[in-house]
Amino acid sequence: MVSTVNHILASITKEVFSMLGERASKALFLELRLLEISIKPEAFDIVKVDEGLKKIFGSAAALFMEEIYAEFKTRLSEEGISTDEIEMKEEDITAAEKISRLLALKPTT
């Protein structure tokens, strides 16, 4: 069974990529598939997505990851999960690391 968190993160990632427009997002999904990175919830791994985006976009990948992180925090808040604990500890870490910390707070069922 696929975790709720994977469904949420995969959905958010697709939404963020779709902001590029249909043709560009399809090309991005293809590039990620060529790197053997899946956006499907059952195989979704935010760290692999982050690594793939870095290979494709270099440092500009951080823009995508920050947007995914912001949306993920919003969804967690909507579910009543506080992210204040993480906010206090956010030094100079990547969005993927921030998401990983949030995942530690969220049950995966």
N, C-alpha and C. Protein backbone atom coordinates (compact mmCIF):
# COMPACT_ATOMS: atom_id res chain seq x y z
N MET A 1 0.84 -1.19 0.00
CA MET A 1 0.00 0.00 0.00
C MET A 1 0.88 1.25 0.00
N VAL A 2 0.50 2.21 -0.80
CA VAL A 2 1.26 3.45 -0.94
C VAL A 2 0.88 4.41 0.19
N SER A 3 1.87 5.05 0.77
CA SER A 3 1.60 5.96 1.88
C SER A 3 0.90 7.23 1.40
N THR A 4 0.17 7.81 2.32
CA THR A 4 -0.51 9.07 2.06
C THR A 4 0.50 10.16 1.71
N VAL A 5 1.62 10.14 2.40
CA VAL A 5 2.66 11.14 2.17
C VAL A 5 3.18 11.07 0.74
N ASN A 6 3.39 9.86 0.23
CA ASN A 6 3.86 9.73 -1.15
C ASN A 6 2.82 10.25 -2.12
N HIS A 7 1.55 9.99 -1.85
CA HIS A 7 0.50 10.54 -2.71
C HIS A 7 0.54 12.06 -2.69
N ILE A 8 0.66 12.63 -1.51
CA ILE A 8 0.68 14.09 -1.37
C ILE A 8 1.89 14.67 -2.09
N LEU A 9 3.07 14.14 -1.83
CA LEU A 9 4.29 14.68 -2.45
C LEU A 9 4.29 14.50 -3.96
N ALA A 10 3.85 13.35 -4.43
CA ALA A 10 3.79 13.13 -5.89
C ALA A 10 2.82 14.10 -6.53
N SER A 11 1.68 14.31 -5.90
CA SER A 11 0.68 15.24 -6.42
C SER A 11 1.21 16.67 -6.45
N ILE A 12 1.83 17.08 -5.37
CA ILE A 12 2.40 18.44 -5.30
C ILE A 12 3.47 18.61 -6.37
N THR A 13 4.32 17.62 -6.52
CA THR A 13 5.40 17.70 -7.51
C THR A 13 4.82 17.85 -8.91
N LYS A 14 3.81 17.08 -9.23
CA LYS A 14 3.16 17.19 -10.54
C LYS A 14 2.56 18.58 -10.73
N GLU A 15 1.93 19.11 -9.68
CA GLU A 15 1.34 20.45 -9.76
C GLU A 15 2.40 21.51 -10.00
N VAL A 16 3.50 21.40 -9.28
CA VAL A 16 4.59 22.38 -9.45
C VAL A 16 5.17 22.31 -10.86
N PHE A 17 5.41 21.10 -11.34
CA PHE A 17 5.94 20.95 -12.70
C PHE A 17 4.96 21.44 -13.74
N SER A 18 3.66 21.28 -13.50
CA SER A 18 2.66 21.69 -14.48
C SER A 18 2.63 23.21 -14.65
N MET A 19 3.19 23.94 -13.70
CA MET A 19 3.25 25.40 -13.83
C MET A 19 4.14 25.81 -14.99
N LEU A 20 4.96 24.89 -15.48
CA LEU A 20 5.82 25.17 -16.63
C LEU A 20 5.04 25.20 -17.94
N GLY A 21 3.84 24.65 -17.92
CA GLY A 21 3.07 24.50 -19.14
C GLY A 21 3.11 23.04 -19.57
N GLU A 22 2.15 22.66 -20.40
CA GLU A 22 1.99 21.25 -20.76
C GLU A 22 3.23 20.66 -21.45
N ARG A 23 3.73 21.33 -22.47
CA ARG A 23 4.86 20.78 -23.22
C ARG A 23 6.12 20.67 -22.37
N ALA A 24 6.40 21.73 -21.61
CA ALA A 24 7.61 21.72 -20.79
C ALA A 24 7.52 20.70 -19.66
N SER A 25 6.34 20.57 -19.05
CA SER A 25 6.21 19.60 -17.97
C SER A 25 6.31 18.17 -18.50
N LYS A 26 5.73 17.91 -19.68
CA LYS A 26 5.87 16.58 -20.28
C LYS A 26 7.34 16.27 -20.56
N ALA A 27 8.07 17.25 -21.06
CA ALA A 27 9.50 17.06 -21.33
C ALA A 27 10.26 16.79 -20.02
N LEU A 28 9.89 17.49 -18.97
CA LEU A 28 10.54 17.29 -17.67
C LEU A 28 10.25 15.89 -17.13
N PHE A 29 9.00 15.45 -17.22
CA PHE A 29 8.66 14.09 -16.78
C PHE A 29 9.46 13.06 -17.58
N LEU A 30 9.61 13.28 -18.87
CA LEU A 30 10.38 12.37 -19.72
C LEU A 30 11.83 12.33 -19.27
N GLU A 31 12.41 13.50 -19.04
CA GLU A 31 13.81 13.56 -18.59
C GLU A 31 13.99 12.82 -17.26
N LEU A 32 13.06 12.99 -16.36
CA LEU A 32 13.15 12.29 -15.08
C LEU A 32 13.04 10.77 -15.27
N ARG A 33 12.12 10.35 -16.15
CA ARG A 33 12.00 8.92 -16.44
C ARG A 33 13.30 8.37 -17.03
N LEU A 34 13.95 9.14 -17.89
CA LEU A 34 15.22 8.72 -18.47
C LEU A 34 16.30 8.56 -17.40
N LEU A 35 16.15 9.33 -16.33
CA LEU A 35 17.07 9.21 -15.19
C LEU A 35 16.58 8.15 -14.20
N GLU A 36 15.53 7.41 -14.60
CA GLU A 36 14.93 6.36 -13.78
C GLU A 36 14.36 6.89 -12.47
N ILE A 37 13.73 8.05 -12.56
CA ILE A 37 13.08 8.68 -11.41
C ILE A 37 11.58 8.74 -11.69
N SER A 38 10.83 8.14 -10.78
CA SER A 38 9.39 8.06 -10.96
C SER A 38 8.66 9.12 -10.15
N ILE A 39 7.59 9.64 -10.74
CA ILE A 39 6.73 10.59 -10.03
C ILE A 39 5.46 9.87 -9.56
N LYS A 40 5.37 8.58 -9.85
CA LYS A 40 4.22 7.80 -9.40
C LYS A 40 4.31 7.61 -7.89
N PRO A 41 3.18 7.75 -7.19
CA PRO A 41 3.20 7.66 -5.72
C PRO A 41 3.85 6.39 -5.17
N GLU A 42 3.64 5.26 -5.83
CA GLU A 42 4.18 4.01 -5.30
C GLU A 42 5.70 3.92 -5.36
N ALA A 43 6.33 4.75 -6.15
CA ALA A 43 7.79 4.73 -6.27
C ALA A 43 8.42 6.10 -5.99
N PHE A 44 7.62 7.04 -5.50
CA PHE A 44 8.08 8.41 -5.33
C PHE A 44 9.12 8.53 -4.22
N ASP A 45 10.19 9.25 -4.52
CA ASP A 45 11.26 9.51 -3.55
C ASP A 45 11.73 10.94 -3.78
N ILE A 46 11.43 11.82 -2.83
CA ILE A 46 11.72 13.25 -2.99
C ILE A 46 13.22 13.50 -3.13
N VAL A 47 14.04 12.70 -2.51
CA VAL A 47 15.50 12.88 -2.62
C VAL A 47 15.95 12.58 -4.04
N LYS A 48 15.41 11.52 -4.64
CA LYS A 48 15.76 11.19 -6.03
C LYS A 48 15.26 12.28 -6.98
N VAL A 49 14.07 12.81 -6.71
CA VAL A 49 13.54 13.90 -7.55
C VAL A 49 14.47 15.10 -7.46
N ASP A 50 14.90 15.43 -6.26
CA ASP A 50 15.82 16.54 -6.06
C ASP A 50 17.12 16.32 -6.84
N GLU A 51 17.67 15.12 -6.74
CA GLU A 51 18.91 14.80 -7.46
C GLU A 51 18.71 14.91 -8.98
N GLY A 52 17.56 14.41 -9.46
CA GLY A 52 17.27 14.48 -10.88
C GLY A 52 17.13 15.91 -11.37
N LEU A 53 16.43 16.71 -10.58
CA LEU A 53 16.26 18.12 -10.96
C LEU A 53 17.61 18.83 -11.01
N LYS A 54 18.49 18.49 -10.09
CA LYS A 54 19.83 19.11 -10.09
C LYS A 54 20.60 18.72 -11.35
N LYS A 55 20.45 17.47 -11.80
CA LYS A 55 21.13 17.04 -13.03
C LYS A 55 20.58 17.78 -14.24
N ILE A 56 19.27 18.06 -14.23
CA ILE A 56 18.62 18.70 -15.36
C ILE A 56 18.81 20.22 -15.34
N PHE A 57 18.61 20.84 -14.17
CA PHE A 57 18.58 22.30 -14.07
C PHE A 57 19.74 22.92 -13.32
N GLY A 58 20.60 22.12 -12.74
CA GLY A 58 21.68 22.67 -11.92
C GLY A 58 21.11 23.35 -10.69
N SER A 59 21.67 24.49 -10.34
CA SER A 59 21.25 25.19 -9.12
C SER A 59 19.82 25.72 -9.20
N ALA A 60 19.28 25.85 -10.39
CA ALA A 60 17.89 26.31 -10.54
C ALA A 60 16.89 25.28 -10.01
N ALA A 61 17.33 24.05 -9.79
CA ALA A 61 16.46 23.01 -9.23
C ALA A 61 15.92 23.43 -7.87
N ALA A 62 16.67 24.24 -7.16
CA ALA A 62 16.25 24.69 -5.84
C ALA A 62 14.92 25.44 -5.90
N LEU A 63 14.65 26.12 -7.00
CA LEU A 63 13.38 26.84 -7.15
C LEU A 63 12.20 25.87 -7.13
N PHE A 64 12.32 24.78 -7.84
CA PHE A 64 11.27 23.76 -7.84
C PHE A 64 11.10 23.16 -6.45
N MET A 65 12.22 22.81 -5.84
CA MET A 65 12.16 22.14 -4.55
C MET A 65 11.59 23.06 -3.46
N GLU A 66 11.92 24.33 -3.52
CA GLU A 66 11.36 25.27 -2.53
C GLU A 66 9.84 25.38 -2.69
N GLU A 67 9.37 25.37 -3.92
CA GLU A 67 7.93 25.42 -4.16
C GLU A 67 7.25 24.14 -3.67
N ILE A 68 7.86 23.00 -3.93
CA ILE A 68 7.32 21.72 -3.45
C ILE A 68 7.28 21.73 -1.92
N TYR A 69 8.35 22.21 -1.30
CA TYR A 69 8.42 22.29 0.16
C TYR A 69 7.31 23.19 0.71
N ALA A 70 7.14 24.35 0.13
CA ALA A 70 6.11 25.29 0.61
C ALA A 70 4.71 24.68 0.50
N GLU A 71 4.44 24.03 -0.61
CA GLU A 71 3.13 23.38 -0.79
C GLU A 71 2.95 22.22 0.19
N PHE A 72 4.01 21.46 0.43
CA PHE A 72 3.94 20.34 1.36
C PHE A 72 3.63 20.83 2.77
N LYS A 73 4.30 21.90 3.19
CA LYS A 73 4.03 22.48 4.51
C LYS A 73 2.58 22.92 4.62
N THR A 74 2.07 23.52 3.56
CA THR A 74 0.68 23.97 3.56
C THR A 74 -0.26 22.79 3.72
N ARG A 75 -0.01 21.73 2.98
CA ARG A 75 -0.89 20.54 3.07
C ARG A 75 -0.82 19.92 4.45
N LEU A 76 0.37 19.88 5.05
CA LEU A 76 0.47 19.34 6.40
C LEU A 76 -0.31 20.19 7.39
N SER A 77 -0.21 21.51 7.24
CA SER A 77 -0.96 22.41 8.11
C SER A 77 -2.45 22.19 7.97
N GLU A 78 -2.90 21.97 6.73
CA GLU A 78 -4.32 21.72 6.49
C GLU A 78 -4.77 20.43 7.18
N GLU A 79 -3.85 19.50 7.37
CA GLU A 79 -4.17 18.24 8.06
C GLU A 79 -3.95 18.34 9.56
N GLY A 80 -3.61 19.55 10.04
CA GLY A 80 -3.43 19.76 11.47
C GLY A 80 -2.09 19.34 12.02
N ILE A 81 -1.11 19.18 11.15
CA ILE A 81 0.24 18.79 11.59
C ILE A 81 1.09 20.05 11.64
N SER A 82 1.59 20.36 12.84
CA SER A 82 2.38 21.56 13.05
C SER A 82 3.79 21.39 12.48
N THR A 83 4.27 22.41 11.81
CA THR A 83 5.64 22.40 11.28
C THR A 83 6.52 23.39 12.03
N ASP A 84 6.00 23.97 13.11
CA ASP A 84 6.76 24.96 13.88
C ASP A 84 8.07 24.40 14.40
N GLU A 85 8.05 23.15 14.83
CA GLU A 85 9.23 22.49 15.36
C GLU A 85 10.36 22.48 14.34
N ILE A 86 10.03 22.26 13.10
CA ILE A 86 11.02 22.24 12.03
C ILE A 86 11.48 23.65 11.70
N GLU A 87 10.55 24.59 11.67
CA GLU A 87 10.89 25.97 11.32
C GLU A 87 12.00 26.52 12.21
N MET A 88 11.98 26.17 13.49
CA MET A 88 12.97 26.68 14.41
C MET A 88 14.38 26.17 14.08
N LYS A 89 14.46 25.01 13.43
CA LYS A 89 15.74 24.36 13.18
C LYS A 89 16.23 24.54 11.76
N GLU A 90 15.54 25.30 10.94
CA GLU A 90 15.92 25.45 9.53
C GLU A 90 17.08 26.42 9.38
N GLU A 91 18.26 25.87 9.40
CA GLU A 91 19.43 26.69 9.18
C GLU A 91 19.57 26.86 7.68
N ASP A 92 20.68 26.45 7.16
CA ASP A 92 20.96 26.56 5.74
C ASP A 92 20.92 25.17 5.12
N ILE A 93 19.71 24.60 5.04
CA ILE A 93 19.56 23.26 4.48
C ILE A 93 18.70 23.33 3.23
N THR A 94 18.80 22.30 2.42
CA THR A 94 18.05 22.29 1.16
C THR A 94 16.57 22.00 1.42
N ALA A 95 15.75 22.29 0.43
CA ALA A 95 14.32 22.01 0.53
C ALA A 95 14.07 20.52 0.68
N ALA A 96 14.86 19.69 0.00
CA ALA A 96 14.70 18.24 0.13
C ALA A 96 14.98 17.80 1.57
N GLU A 97 15.97 18.39 2.20
CA GLU A 97 16.26 18.07 3.60
C GLU A 97 15.14 18.54 4.51
N LYS A 98 14.57 19.70 4.21
CA LYS A 98 13.44 20.20 5.00
C LYS A 98 12.25 19.25 4.88
N ILE A 99 11.99 18.79 3.66
CA ILE A 99 10.88 17.85 3.44
C ILE A 99 11.15 16.56 4.20
N SER A 100 12.37 16.08 4.16
CA SER A 100 12.72 14.86 4.90
C SER A 100 12.47 15.03 6.39
N ARG A 101 12.77 16.19 6.92
CA ARG A 101 12.50 16.45 8.35
C ARG A 101 11.00 16.46 8.62
N LEU A 102 10.24 17.04 7.71
CA LEU A 102 8.79 17.03 7.87
C LEU A 102 8.24 15.62 7.79
N LEU A 103 8.82 14.80 6.93
CA LEU A 103 8.38 13.41 6.80
C LEU A 103 8.55 12.66 8.11
N ALA A 104 9.56 13.03 8.87
CA ALA A 104 9.79 12.37 10.15
C ALA A 104 8.67 12.67 11.14
N LEU A 105 7.97 13.79 10.95
CA LEU A 105 6.86 14.15 11.83
C LEU A 105 5.56 13.50 11.42
N LYS A 106 5.45 13.11 10.15
CA LYS A 106 4.18 12.65 9.56
C LYS A 106 4.11 11.13 9.53
N PRO A 107 3.07 10.54 10.11
CA PRO A 107 2.89 9.11 9.94
C PRO A 107 2.68 8.77 8.48
N THR A 108 3.17 7.63 8.00
CA THR A 108 3.12 7.30 6.58
C THR A 108 2.03 6.30 6.23
N THR A 109 0.95 6.26 6.99
CA THR A 109 -0.14 5.34 6.68
C THR A 109 -1.27 6.02 5.98
